[in-house]
C-alpha atoms as a PDB file:
ATOM      1  CA  MET A   1      99.292 135.499 108.174  1.00  0.00           C
ATOM      2  CA  ALA A   2     101.698 132.333 108.580  1.00  0.00           C
ATOM      3  CA  LEU A   3     100.876 128.741 107.202  1.00  0.00           C
ATOM      4  CA  PRO A   4      99.467 126.716 109.277  1.00  0.00           C
ATOM      5  CA  GLN A   5     101.558 123.753 111.313  1.00  0.00           C
ATOM      6  CA  GLN A   6      98.583 121.270 110.541  1.00  0.00           C
ATOM      7  CA  VAL A   7      96.153 120.156 108.277  1.00  0.00           C
ATOM      8  CA  ARG A   8      93.592 117.837 108.118  1.00  0.00           C
ATOM      9  CA  LEU A   9      92.834 116.272 104.703  1.00  0.00           C
ATOM     10  CA  VAL A  10      89.291 115.538 104.312  1.00  0.00           C
ATOM     11  CA  GLU A  11      89.243 112.057 101.798  1.00  0.00           C
ATOM     12  CA  VAL A  12      85.832 112.107  99.886  1.00  0.00           C
ATOM     13  CA  GLY A  13      87.342 109.436  97.473  1.00  0.00           C
ATOM     14  CA  PRO A  14      84.862 106.776  98.612  1.00  0.00           C
ATOM     15  CA  ARG A  15      81.961 108.915  97.974  1.00  0.00           C
ATOM     16  CA  ASP A  16      82.167 112.113  96.215  1.00  0.00           C
ATOM     17  CA  GLY A  17      84.936 110.218  94.123  1.00  0.00           C
ATOM     18  CA  LEU A  18      83.383 107.328  93.185  1.00  0.00           C
ATOM     19  CA  GLN A  19      79.603 108.449  93.234  1.00  0.00           C
ATOM     20  CA  ASN A  20      80.464 109.604  89.412  1.00  0.00           C
ATOM     21  CA  GLU A  21      82.273 106.844  87.869  1.00  0.00           C
ATOM     22  CA  SER A  22      80.380 105.396  84.903  1.00  0.00           C
ATOM     23  CA  GLY A  23      80.106 101.612  83.689  1.00  0.00           C
ATOM     24  CA  PRO A  24      78.956  98.775  85.771  1.00  0.00           C
ATOM     25  CA  VAL A  25      78.487  99.197  89.903  1.00  0.00           C
ATOM     26  CA  ILE A  26      81.475  99.380  91.692  1.00  0.00           C
ATOM     27  CA  ALA A  27      81.471  96.128  94.415  1.00  0.00           C
ATOM     28  CA  THR A  28      81.343  96.657  98.023  1.00  0.00           C
ATOM     29  CA  ALA A  29      84.283  95.060  98.622  1.00  0.00           C
ATOM     30  CA  ILE A  30      86.375  97.267  96.824  1.00  0.00           C
ATOM     31  CA  LYS A  31      84.785 100.593  97.999  1.00  0.00           C
ATOM     32  CA  VAL A  32      85.395  98.836 101.744  1.00  0.00           C
ATOM     33  CA  GLU A  33      89.192  97.653 100.899  1.00  0.00           C
ATOM     34  CA  LEU A  34      89.667 101.500  99.760  1.00  0.00           C
ATOM     35  CA  ILE A  35      88.477 103.190 102.890  1.00  0.00           C
ATOM     36  CA  GLU A  36      90.533 100.683 104.658  1.00  0.00           C
ATOM     37  CA  ARG A  37      93.875 101.383 102.557  1.00  0.00           C
ATOM     38  CA  LEU A  38      92.984 105.288 103.066  1.00  0.00           C
ATOM     39  CA  ALA A  39      92.722 105.025 107.043  1.00  0.00           C
ATOM     40  CA  GLU A  40      95.757 102.398 106.789  1.00  0.00           C
ATOM     41  CA  ALA A  41      97.407 105.576 105.002  1.00  0.00           C
ATOM     42  CA  GLY A  42      96.868 107.758 108.131  1.00  0.00           C
ATOM     43  CA  LEU A  43      93.550 109.620 106.895  1.00  0.00           C
ATOM     44  CA  CYS A  44      91.685 110.299 109.846  1.00  0.00           C
ATOM     45  CA  HIS A  45      88.398 111.852 108.373  1.00  0.00           C
ATOM     46  CA  ILE A  46      86.876 109.761 105.121  1.00  0.00           C
ATOM     47  CA  GLU A  47      83.857 110.132 103.294  1.00  0.00           C
ATOM     48  CA  SER A  48      82.870 106.735 103.314  1.00  0.00           C
ATOM     49  CA  ALA A  49      79.020 106.636 101.670  1.00  0.00           C
ATOM     50  CA  SER A  50      75.865 108.000 100.285  1.00  0.00           C
ATOM     51  CA  PHE A  51      72.760 107.499 101.624  1.00  0.00           C
ATOM     52  CA  VAL A  52      70.728 108.861  98.642  1.00  0.00           C
ATOM     53  CA  SER A  53      68.163 107.054  96.638  1.00  0.00           C
ATOM     54  CA  PRO A  54      70.010 104.688  94.214  1.00  0.00           C
ATOM     55  CA  LYS A  55      68.014 105.352  91.384  1.00  0.00           C
ATOM     56  CA  TRP A  56      69.580 108.987  91.193  1.00  0.00           C
ATOM     57  CA  VAL A  57      73.393 107.639  92.445  1.00  0.00           C
ATOM     58  CA  PRO A  58      73.666 103.764  91.596  1.00  0.00           C
ATOM     59  CA  GLN A  59      77.320 103.933  92.693  1.00  0.00           C
ATOM     60  CA  MET A  60      76.227 104.664  95.898  1.00  0.00           C
ATOM     61  CA  GLY A  61      72.946 102.042  96.655  1.00  0.00           C
ATOM     62  CA  ASP A  62      75.197  99.788  98.917  1.00  0.00           C
ATOM     63  CA  GLY A  63      76.233 102.142 101.967  1.00  0.00           C
ATOM     64  CA  ALA A  64      74.475 100.443 104.407  1.00  0.00           C
ATOM     65  CA  GLU A  65      76.663  97.035 103.219  1.00  0.00           C
ATOM     66  CA  VAL A  66      80.017  99.479 103.189  1.00  0.00           C
ATOM     67  CA  MET A  67      79.711 101.056 106.558  1.00  0.00           C
ATOM     68  CA  ALA A  68      79.025  97.159 107.660  1.00  0.00           C
ATOM     69  CA  GLY A  69      82.033  95.915 105.502  1.00  0.00           C
ATOM     70  CA  ILE A  70      84.425  98.325 106.899  1.00  0.00           C
ATOM     71  CA  ARG A  71      86.822  97.538 109.912  1.00  0.00           C
ATOM     72  CA  ARG A  72      86.508 100.542 111.961  1.00  0.00           C
ATOM     73  CA  LYS A  73      90.128 101.821 113.031  1.00  0.00           C
ATOM     74  CA  PRO A  74      90.391 104.214 116.220  1.00  0.00           C
ATOM     75  CA  GLY A  75      90.104 107.595 115.749  1.00  0.00           C
ATOM     76  CA  VAL A  76      89.132 107.795 112.115  1.00  0.00           C
ATOM     77  CA  ILE A  77      85.881 109.193 111.355  1.00  0.00           C
ATOM     78  CA  TYR A  78      83.825 107.733 108.786  1.00  0.00           C
ATOM     79  CA  SER A  79      81.586 110.197 107.623  1.00  0.00           C
ATOM     80  CA  ALA A  80      78.524 109.647 104.601  1.00  0.00           C
ATOM     81  CA  LEU A  81      76.232 111.752 103.332  1.00  0.00           C
ATOM     82  CA  ALA A  82      72.671 112.451 104.093  1.00  0.00           C
ATOM     83  CA  PRO A  83      70.421 115.048 102.130  1.00  0.00           C
ATOM     84  CA  ASN A  84      67.012 113.781 103.628  1.00  0.00           C
ATOM     85  CA  LEU A  85      65.802 112.629 107.001  1.00  0.00           C
ATOM     86  CA  LYS A  86      65.223 109.169 105.276  1.00  0.00           C
ATOM     87  CA  GLY A  87      69.092 109.673 104.555  1.00  0.00           C
ATOM     88  CA  LEU A  88      69.736 110.501 108.054  1.00  0.00           C
ATOM     89  CA  GLU A  89      67.584 107.478 109.166  1.00  0.00           C
ATOM     90  CA  ALA A  90      69.586 105.177 106.958  1.00  0.00           C
ATOM     91  CA  ALA A  91      73.109 106.608 108.216  1.00  0.00           C
ATOM     92  CA  LEU A  92      71.987 106.494 111.947  1.00  0.00           C
ATOM     93  CA  ALA A  93      71.314 102.793 111.668  1.00  0.00           C
ATOM     94  CA  ALA A  94      74.628 102.050 109.577  1.00  0.00           C
ATOM     95  CA  ASP A  95      76.465 103.875 112.786  1.00  0.00           C
ATOM     96  CA  VAL A  96      78.671 106.507 111.088  1.00  0.00           C
ATOM     97  CA  SER A  97      80.656 108.581 112.664  1.00  0.00           C
ATOM     98  CA  GLU A  98      78.732 111.824 110.918  1.00  0.00           C
ATOM     99  CA  VAL A  99      76.941 113.522 108.405  1.00  0.00           C
ATOM    100  CA  ALA A 100      77.059 115.924 105.768  1.00  0.00           C
ATOM    101  CA  VAL A 101      74.570 117.707 103.446  1.00  0.00           C
ATOM    102  CA  PHE A 102      75.172 120.447 100.743  1.00  0.00           C
ATOM    103  CA  THR A 103      73.683 123.476  98.747  1.00  0.00           C
ATOM    104  CA  ALA A 104      75.353 125.673  96.589  1.00  0.00           C
ATOM    105  CA  ALA A 105      75.848 129.238  95.936  1.00  0.00           C
ATOM    106  CA  SER A 106      73.981 129.420  92.842  1.00  0.00           C
ATOM    107  CA  GLU A 107      70.181 129.178  92.605  1.00  0.00           C
ATOM    108  CA  ALA A 108      70.305 127.846  88.782  1.00  0.00           C
ATOM    109  CA  PHE A 109      72.637 124.869  90.177  1.00  0.00           C
ATOM    110  CA  THR A 110      70.845 124.037  92.977  1.00  0.00           C
ATOM    111  CA  GLN A 111      67.479 123.545  90.574  1.00  0.00           C
ATOM    112  CA  LYS A 112      69.526 121.873  88.236  1.00  0.00           C
ATOM    113  CA  ASN A 113      71.430 119.671  91.156  1.00  0.00           C
ATOM    114  CA  ILE A 114      68.583 119.123  93.872  1.00  0.00           C
ATOM    115  CA  ASN A 115      65.425 120.419  92.155  1.00  0.00           C
ATOM    116  CA  CYS A 116      64.909 123.253  94.800  1.00  0.00           C
ATOM    117  CA  SER A 117      66.199 127.034  95.769  1.00  0.00           C
ATOM    118  CA  VAL A 118      68.451 127.745  97.921  1.00  0.00           C
ATOM    119  CA  ALA A 119      66.320 128.486 100.608  1.00  0.00           C
ATOM    120  CA  GLU A 120      64.268 125.753 100.377  1.00  0.00           C
ATOM    121  CA  SER A 121      67.192 123.677 100.454  1.00  0.00           C
ATOM    122  CA  LEU A 122      68.219 125.212 103.695  1.00  0.00           C
ATOM    123  CA  GLU A 123      64.312 124.786 105.133  1.00  0.00           C
ATOM    124  CA  ARG A 124      65.152 120.677 104.009  1.00  0.00           C
ATOM    125  CA  PHE A 125      67.731 120.240 106.045  1.00  0.00           C
ATOM    126  CA  ALA A 126      66.605 122.030 109.398  1.00  0.00           C
ATOM    127  CA  PRO A 127      64.972 119.215 110.832  1.00  0.00           C
ATOM    128  CA  LEU A 128      67.570 117.089 109.422  1.00  0.00           C
ATOM    129  CA  ILE A 129      70.111 119.245 111.271  1.00  0.00           C
ATOM    130  CA  GLU A 130      68.865 119.022 114.448  1.00  0.00           C
ATOM    131  CA  ARG A 131      67.569 115.455 114.631  1.00  0.00           C
ATOM    132  CA  ALA A 132      71.198 114.741 113.618  1.00  0.00           C
ATOM    133  CA  ARG A 133      72.615 116.747 116.654  1.00  0.00           C
ATOM    134  CA  ALA A 134      70.084 115.423 119.184  1.00  0.00           C
ATOM    135  CA  GLU A 135      71.284 112.395 118.188  1.00  0.00           C
ATOM    136  CA  GLY A 136      74.694 113.437 119.150  1.00  0.00           C
ATOM    137  CA  LEU A 137      75.992 113.574 115.006  1.00  0.00           C
ATOM    138  CA  ARG A 138      77.763 116.550 114.254  1.00  0.00           C
ATOM    139  CA  VAL A 139      76.897 117.870 110.672  1.00  0.00           C
ATOM    140  CA  ARG A 140      79.162 119.241 107.951  1.00  0.00           C
ATOM    141  CA  GLY A 141      77.875 121.463 105.318  1.00  0.00           C
ATOM    142  CA  TYR A 142      78.897 121.750 101.802  1.00  0.00           C
ATOM    143  CA  VAL A 143      78.514 124.518  99.452  1.00  0.00           C
ATOM    144  CA  SER A 144      78.938 124.214  95.722  1.00  0.00           C
ATOM    145  CA  THR A 145      79.976 126.911  93.482  1.00  0.00           C
ATOM    146  CA  THR A 146      81.723 129.309  95.105  1.00  0.00           C
ATOM    147  CA  LEU A 147      84.109 130.220  92.545  1.00  0.00           C
ATOM    148  CA  GLY A 148      81.725 129.865  89.529  1.00  0.00           C
ATOM    149  CA  CYS A 149      78.661 127.686  88.373  1.00  0.00           C
ATOM    150  CA  PRO A 150      78.241 126.096  85.158  1.00  0.00           C
ATOM    151  CA  TYR A 151      74.922 127.978  84.560  1.00  0.00           C
ATOM    152  CA  ALA A 152      75.279 131.425  86.161  1.00  0.00           C
ATOM    153  CA  GLY A 153      78.881 131.965  85.679  1.00  0.00           C
ATOM    154  CA  GLU A 154      80.242 134.277  88.034  1.00  0.00           C
ATOM    155  CA  ILE A 155      79.644 133.968  91.466  1.00  0.00           C
ATOM    156  CA  ALA A 156      79.741 136.819  93.980  1.00  0.00           C
ATOM    157  CA  PRO A 157      81.394 136.308  97.250  1.00  0.00           C
ATOM    158  CA  SER A 158      78.949 138.004  99.159  1.00  0.00           C
ATOM    159  CA  GLU A 159      76.683 135.010  97.883  1.00  0.00           C
ATOM    160  CA  VAL A 160      78.841 132.162  98.742  1.00  0.00           C
ATOM    161  CA  ALA A 161      79.176 133.970 102.427  1.00  0.00           C
ATOM    162  CA  ALA A 162      75.088 134.507 102.553  1.00  0.00           C
ATOM    163  CA  VAL A 163      74.065 130.459 102.065  1.00  0.00           C
ATOM    164  CA  SER A 164      77.643 129.653 104.522  1.00  0.00           C
ATOM    165  CA  ARG A 165      76.587 131.760 106.827  1.00  0.00           C
ATOM    166  CA  ASP A 166      72.615 130.310 107.389  1.00  0.00           C
ATOM    167  CA  LEU A 167      74.190 126.716 107.110  1.00  0.00           C
ATOM    168  CA  TYR A 168      76.618 127.588 109.550  1.00  0.00           C
ATOM    169  CA  GLN A 169      73.736 129.083 111.823  1.00  0.00           C
ATOM    170  CA  LEU A 170      71.649 126.116 111.082  1.00  0.00           C
ATOM    171  CA  GLY A 171      73.931 123.844 113.508  1.00  0.00           C
ATOM    172  CA  CYS A 172      76.785 122.436 110.779  1.00  0.00           C
ATOM    173  CA  TYR A 173      80.159 122.592 112.498  1.00  0.00           C
ATOM    174  CA  GLU A 174      81.975 122.875 109.528  1.00  0.00           C
ATOM    175  CA  ILE A 175      81.472 124.603 106.238  1.00  0.00           C
ATOM    176  CA  SER A 176      83.312 123.222 102.883  1.00  0.00           C
ATOM    177  CA  LEU A 177      83.594 125.392 100.431  1.00  0.00           C
ATOM    178  CA  GLY A 178      83.520 123.806  97.144  1.00  0.00           C
ATOM    179  CA  ASP A 179      84.998 125.179  93.490  1.00  0.00           C
ATOM    180  CA  THR A 180      82.368 122.398  91.815  1.00  0.00           C
ATOM    181  CA  ILE A 181      83.838 123.148  88.236  1.00  0.00           C
ATOM    182  CA  GLY A 182      87.140 124.331  88.857  1.00  0.00           C
ATOM    183  CA  VAL A 183      87.139 127.442  87.541  1.00  0.00           C
ATOM    184  CA  GLY A 184      88.501 129.441  90.083  1.00  0.00           C
ATOM    185  CA  THR A 185      92.319 130.950  90.438  1.00  0.00           C
ATOM    186  CA  PRO A 186      94.032 132.415  94.113  1.00  0.00           C
ATOM    187  CA  LEU A 187      93.105 135.817  93.913  1.00  0.00           C
ATOM    188  CA  LYS A 188      88.985 134.789  93.407  1.00  0.00           C
ATOM    189  CA  ALA A 189      89.810 131.627  96.260  1.00  0.00           C
ATOM    190  CA  LYS A 190      91.380 134.578  98.721  1.00  0.00           C
ATOM    191  CA  ARG A 191      88.174 137.305  97.899  1.00  0.00           C
ATOM    192  CA  MET A 192      85.978 134.590  98.380  1.00  0.00           C
ATOM    193  CA  LEU A 193      87.586 133.370 101.497  1.00  0.00           C
ATOM    194  CA  GLU A 194      87.646 136.822 103.263  1.00  0.00           C
ATOM    195  CA  ALA A 195      83.851 137.402 102.246  1.00  0.00           C
ATOM    196  CA  VAL A 196      82.920 134.083 103.877  1.00  0.00           C
ATOM    197  CA  SER A 197      85.469 134.290 107.074  1.00  0.00           C
ATOM    198  CA  ARG A 198      83.368 137.281 107.872  1.00  0.00           C
ATOM    199  CA  GLU A 199      80.863 135.037 108.970  1.00  0.00           C
ATOM    200  CA  ILE A 200      81.875 132.174 109.902  1.00  0.00           C
ATOM    201  CA  PRO A 201      85.427 131.779 112.028  1.00  0.00           C
ATOM    202  CA  MET A 202      88.374 130.273 109.857  1.00  0.00           C
ATOM    203  CA  GLU A 203      88.647 127.358 112.189  1.00  0.00           C
ATOM    204  CA  HIS A 204      85.322 126.175 110.684  1.00  0.00           C
ATOM    205  CA  LEU A 205      85.988 126.312 107.358  1.00  0.00           C
ATOM    206  CA  ALA A 206      87.378 124.042 104.406  1.00  0.00           C
ATOM    207  CA  ALA A 207      88.587 124.293 100.984  1.00  0.00           C
ATOM    208  CA  HIS A 208      87.082 121.705  98.274  1.00  0.00           C
ATOM    209  CA  PHE A 209      88.351 122.595  95.148  1.00  0.00           C
ATOM    210  CA  HIS A 210      88.212 120.514  91.819  1.00  0.00           C
ATOM    211  CA  ASP A 211      91.278 120.982  89.160  1.00  0.00           C
ATOM    212  CA  THR A 212      89.837 121.151  85.830  1.00  0.00           C
ATOM    213  CA  TYR A 213      91.833 123.996  84.625  1.00  0.00           C
ATOM    214  CA  GLY A 214      95.111 123.023  87.062  1.00  0.00           C
ATOM    215  CA  GLN A 215      94.639 125.509  89.445  1.00  0.00           C
ATOM    216  CA  ALA A 216      93.940 123.535  92.524  1.00  0.00           C
ATOM    217  CA  LEU A 217      97.094 123.456  94.241  1.00  0.00           C
ATOM    218  CA  ALA A 218      97.660 127.110  93.635  1.00  0.00           C
ATOM    219  CA  ASN A 219      94.427 128.240  94.879  1.00  0.00           C
ATOM    220  CA  LEU A 220      94.946 126.163  97.816  1.00  0.00           C
ATOM    221  CA  TYR A 221      97.996 127.787  98.686  1.00  0.00           C
ATOM    222  CA  ALA A 222      96.298 130.686  98.585  1.00  0.00           C
ATOM    223  CA  VAL A 223      94.337 130.004 101.150  1.00  0.00           C
ATOM    224  CA  LEU A 224      96.368 128.200 103.280  1.00  0.00           C
ATOM    225  CA  GLU A 225      97.815 132.282 103.436  1.00  0.00           C
ATOM    226  CA  GLU A 226      94.755 133.111 104.581  1.00  0.00           C
ATOM    227  CA  GLY A 227      94.520 130.358 107.643  1.00  0.00           C
ATOM    228  CA  ILE A 228      92.116 127.707 106.228  1.00  0.00           C
ATOM    229  CA  ALA A 229      93.673 124.355 107.887  1.00  0.00           C
ATOM    230  CA  VAL A 230      90.535 122.030 106.442  1.00  0.00           C
ATOM    231  CA  ILE A 231      90.996 120.958 102.943  1.00  0.00           C
ATOM    232  CA  ASP A 232      88.956 118.201 101.106  1.00  0.00           C
ATOM    233  CA  SER A 233      90.742 115.875  98.254  1.00  0.00           C
ATOM    234  CA  SER A 234      90.535 112.544  96.976  1.00  0.00           C
ATOM    235  CA  VAL A 235      93.031 109.885  96.234  1.00  0.00           C
ATOM    236  CA  SER A 236      94.126 109.617  92.444  1.00  0.00           C
ATOM    237  CA  GLY A 237      92.066 112.835  92.098  1.00  0.00           C
ATOM    238  CA  LEU A 238      88.621 110.600  91.049  1.00  0.00           C
ATOM    239  CA  GLY A 239      85.376 112.037  91.101  1.00  0.00           C
ATOM    240  CA  GLY A 240      84.031 114.751  89.006  1.00  0.00           C
ATOM    241  CA  CYS A 241      80.486 116.857  88.334  1.00  0.00           C
ATOM    242  CA  PRO A 242      77.806 115.152  86.062  1.00  0.00           C
ATOM    243  CA  TYR A 243      76.277 118.825  85.128  1.00  0.00           C
ATOM    244  CA  ALA A 244      79.221 120.624  84.272  1.00  0.00           C
ATOM    245  CA  ARG A 245      81.198 120.092  81.011  1.00  0.00           C
ATOM    246  CA  GLY A 246      84.600 119.143  81.260  1.00  0.00           C
ATOM    247  CA  ALA A 247      84.531 119.134  84.976  1.00  0.00           C
ATOM    248  CA  SER A 248      87.592 116.966  86.237  1.00  0.00           C
ATOM    249  CA  GLY A 249      87.808 115.928  89.311  1.00  0.00           C
ATOM    250  CA  ASN A 250      88.914 116.685  92.741  1.00  0.00           C
ATOM    251  CA  VAL A 251      92.552 118.046  93.467  1.00  0.00           C
ATOM    252  CA  ALA A 252      93.833 114.512  94.399  1.00  0.00           C
ATOM    253  CA  THR A 253      95.327 113.929  98.002  1.00  0.00           C
ATOM    254  CA  GLU A 254      98.732 112.907  96.738  1.00  0.00           C
ATOM    255  CA  ASP A 255      98.943 115.996  95.242  1.00  0.00           C
ATOM    256  CA  VAL A 256      98.228 118.383  97.874  1.00  0.00           C
ATOM    257  CA  LEU A 257      99.975 116.007 100.536  1.00  0.00           C
ATOM    258  CA  TYR A 258     103.000 116.332  98.247  1.00  0.00           C
ATOM    259  CA  MET A 259     102.808 119.826  98.310  1.00  0.00           C
ATOM    260  CA  LEU A 260     101.940 120.372 102.415  1.00  0.00           C
ATOM    261  CA  ASN A 261     105.285 118.118 103.263  1.00  0.00           C
ATOM    262  CA  GLY A 262     107.214 120.544 101.076  1.00  0.00           C
ATOM    263  CA  LEU A 263     105.643 123.170 103.531  1.00  0.00           C
ATOM    264  CA  GLY A 264     106.783 121.500 106.768  1.00  0.00           C
ATOM    265  CA  ILE A 265     102.887 121.512 107.177  1.00  0.00           C
ATOM    266  CA  GLU A 266     101.708 117.966 108.925  1.00  0.00           C
ATOM    267  CA  THR A 267      98.968 115.809 108.347  1.00  0.00           C
ATOM    268  CA  GLY A 268      99.592 112.239 109.595  1.00  0.00           C
ATOM    269  CA  VAL A 269      99.424 110.643 106.261  1.00  0.00           C
ATOM    270  CA  ASN A 270     102.350 108.425 104.760  1.00  0.00           C
ATOM    271  CA  LEU A 271     102.985 109.529 100.840  1.00  0.00           C
ATOM    272  CA  ASP A 272     103.921 106.257 100.062  1.00  0.00           C
ATOM    273  CA  LYS A 273     101.405 104.138 101.414  1.00  0.00           C
ATOM    274  CA  LEU A 274      98.837 106.715  99.480  1.00  0.00           C
ATOM    275  CA  VAL A 275     100.322 106.570  96.226  1.00  0.00           C
ATOM    276  CA  ALA A 276     100.006 102.912  96.496  1.00  0.00           C
ATOM    277  CA  THR A 277      96.568 103.138  97.424  1.00  0.00           C
ATOM    278  CA  SER A 278      96.087 105.470  94.197  1.00  0.00           C
ATOM    279  CA  CYS A 279      97.620 103.061  92.316  1.00  0.00           C
ATOM    280  CA  TRP A 280      95.056 100.068  94.005  1.00  0.00           C
ATOM    281  CA  ILE A 281      92.077 101.861  92.486  1.00  0.00           C
ATOM    282  CA  SER A 282      93.250 103.119  89.432  1.00  0.00           C
ATOM    283  CA  GLU A 283      93.640  99.483  88.734  1.00  0.00           C
ATOM    284  CA  GLN A 284      90.668  98.848  90.512  1.00  0.00           C
ATOM    285  CA  LEU A 285      88.603 100.784  87.995  1.00  0.00           C
ATOM    286  CA  ASN A 286      90.766 100.178  85.031  1.00  0.00           C
ATOM    287  CA  ARG A 287      91.368 103.910  84.604  1.00  0.00           C
ATOM    288  CA  PRO A 288      94.737 105.969  83.853  1.00  0.00           C
ATOM    289  CA  LEU A 289      96.274 107.389  86.687  1.00  0.00           C
ATOM    290  CA  THR A 290      96.176 111.189  86.887  1.00  0.00           C
ATOM    291  CA  ALA A 291      97.482 112.729  90.131  1.00  0.00           C
ATOM    292  CA  ARG A 292     100.820 113.857  89.202  1.00  0.00           C
ATOM    293  CA  VAL A 293     102.457 112.337  92.400  1.00  0.00           C
ATOM    294  CA  ALA A 294     101.830 108.888  91.605  1.00  0.00           C
ATOM    295  CA  GLN A 295     103.026 109.316  88.191  1.00  0.00           C
ATOM    296  CA  ALA A 296     105.866 110.513  89.324  1.00  0.00           C
ATOM    297  CA  ILE A 297     106.392 108.386  91.798  1.00  0.00           C
ATOM    298  CA  GLY A 298     105.342 105.417  90.112  1.00  0.00           C
ATOM    299  CA  CYS A 299     103.405 102.210  90.982  1.00  0.00           C
ATOM    300  CA  THR A 300     106.244 100.587  92.086  1.00  0.00           C
ATOM    301  CA  ALA A 301     106.739 102.473  95.317  1.00  0.00           C
ATOM    302  CA  GLN A 302     106.432 100.378  98.152  1.00  0.00           C
ATOM    303  CA  PRO A 303     104.557 101.337 101.892  1.00  0.00           C
ATOM    304  CA  ALA A 304     106.227 101.551 104.529  1.00  0.00           C
ATOM    305  CA  SER A 305     106.701  99.117 106.493  1.00  0.00           C
ATOM    306  CA  GLU A 306     104.300  99.459 109.571  1.00  0.00           C
ATOM    307  CA  SER A 307     106.914  99.563 112.384  1.00  0.00           C
ATOM    308  CA  GLU A 308     108.802 102.669 110.272  1.00  0.00           C
ATOM    309  CA  SER A 309     105.606 104.112 110.049  1.00  0.00           C
ATOM    310  CA  GLU A 310     105.008 104.107 113.759  1.00  0.00           C
ATOM    311  CA  SER A 311     108.920 105.681 114.191  1.00  0.00           C
ATOM    312  CA  GLU A 312     108.407 108.545 111.740  1.00  0.00           C
ATOM    313  CA  SER A 313     104.817 109.219 113.704  1.00  0.00           C
ATOM    314  CA  GLU A 314     106.719 108.545 116.896  1.00  0.00           C
ATOM    315  CA  SER A 315     109.253 111.155 115.494  1.00  0.00           C
ATOM    316  CA  GLU A 316     107.085 113.528 113.706  1.00  0.00           C
ATOM    317  CA  SER A 317     105.046 114.176 117.161  1.00  0.00           C
ATOM    318  CA  ASP A 318     108.003 114.873 119.249  1.00  0.00           C
ATOM    319  CA  ASN A 319     108.186 118.178 116.853  1.00  0.00           C
ATOM    320  CA  THR A 320     104.478 119.466 116.630  1.00  0.00           C
ATOM    321  CA  ASN A 321     102.174 120.793 118.788  1.00  0.00           C
ATOM    322  CA  HIS A 322      99.158 118.524 119.085  1.00  0.00           C
END
């Protein structure tokens, strides 16, 4: 299959990336500025908050304040995680663009992560998805451990396909397939996607790969060849999995973007602005710069001016089929 002409990047850094940061709770103002910088770089789908109990995820306790503080850019989806009806009510009050729910392909991981079975997690989501859709909100579904589990080891593609199908049938418009601990390889990724795409149309699937073993870009290229056109990524590679020893963060958005640019695939995202944002958030969090592209370009790179960015966008839109 030919590579897609266009890919939608779903930026998960402000939520999935920041939620596991150790140390003091990150200031709301930093989260707001990060989201605004990402939107200015051209990202049109930004996972911005999580409406979970701050007891369990302290870094996400200010979701309402973050959503209220964002200067929203037209055309940008500002989504939030809402794992239960209470979270959905908070998300509705915060005027999010869409919500997301999550389960896993592994029974062991689901028990450790949300203290229930996979079937029970789906039962909990049914009224939430129904209510969200009644309120006009789209719901995105995450499936974790699609290429391996820290407790159960190998996960059969058929198990991933079954839970993905169930989430899709409950009403999730898109299913994001997560390699939560980053153990996947290209052939495994292809086989998993083949199984899932027999149950769900490819245009309703996304890839969400971590880079623990340095395989994320190779795995993404493999699923792009199969028809995936939506990729989750995290600026500066922020994030990780607290339940998996050694699991590094999500694949860095700037690394994915550099690869897509090299393949001639349109995203609408400005690499210079994205790298500048990566450098900025790494400095704010006092963490080393881990994204390879940001390291290579360096933090002296200046974002393109507004006029240059607009000119580039106009030029690119002339050559693509929007």
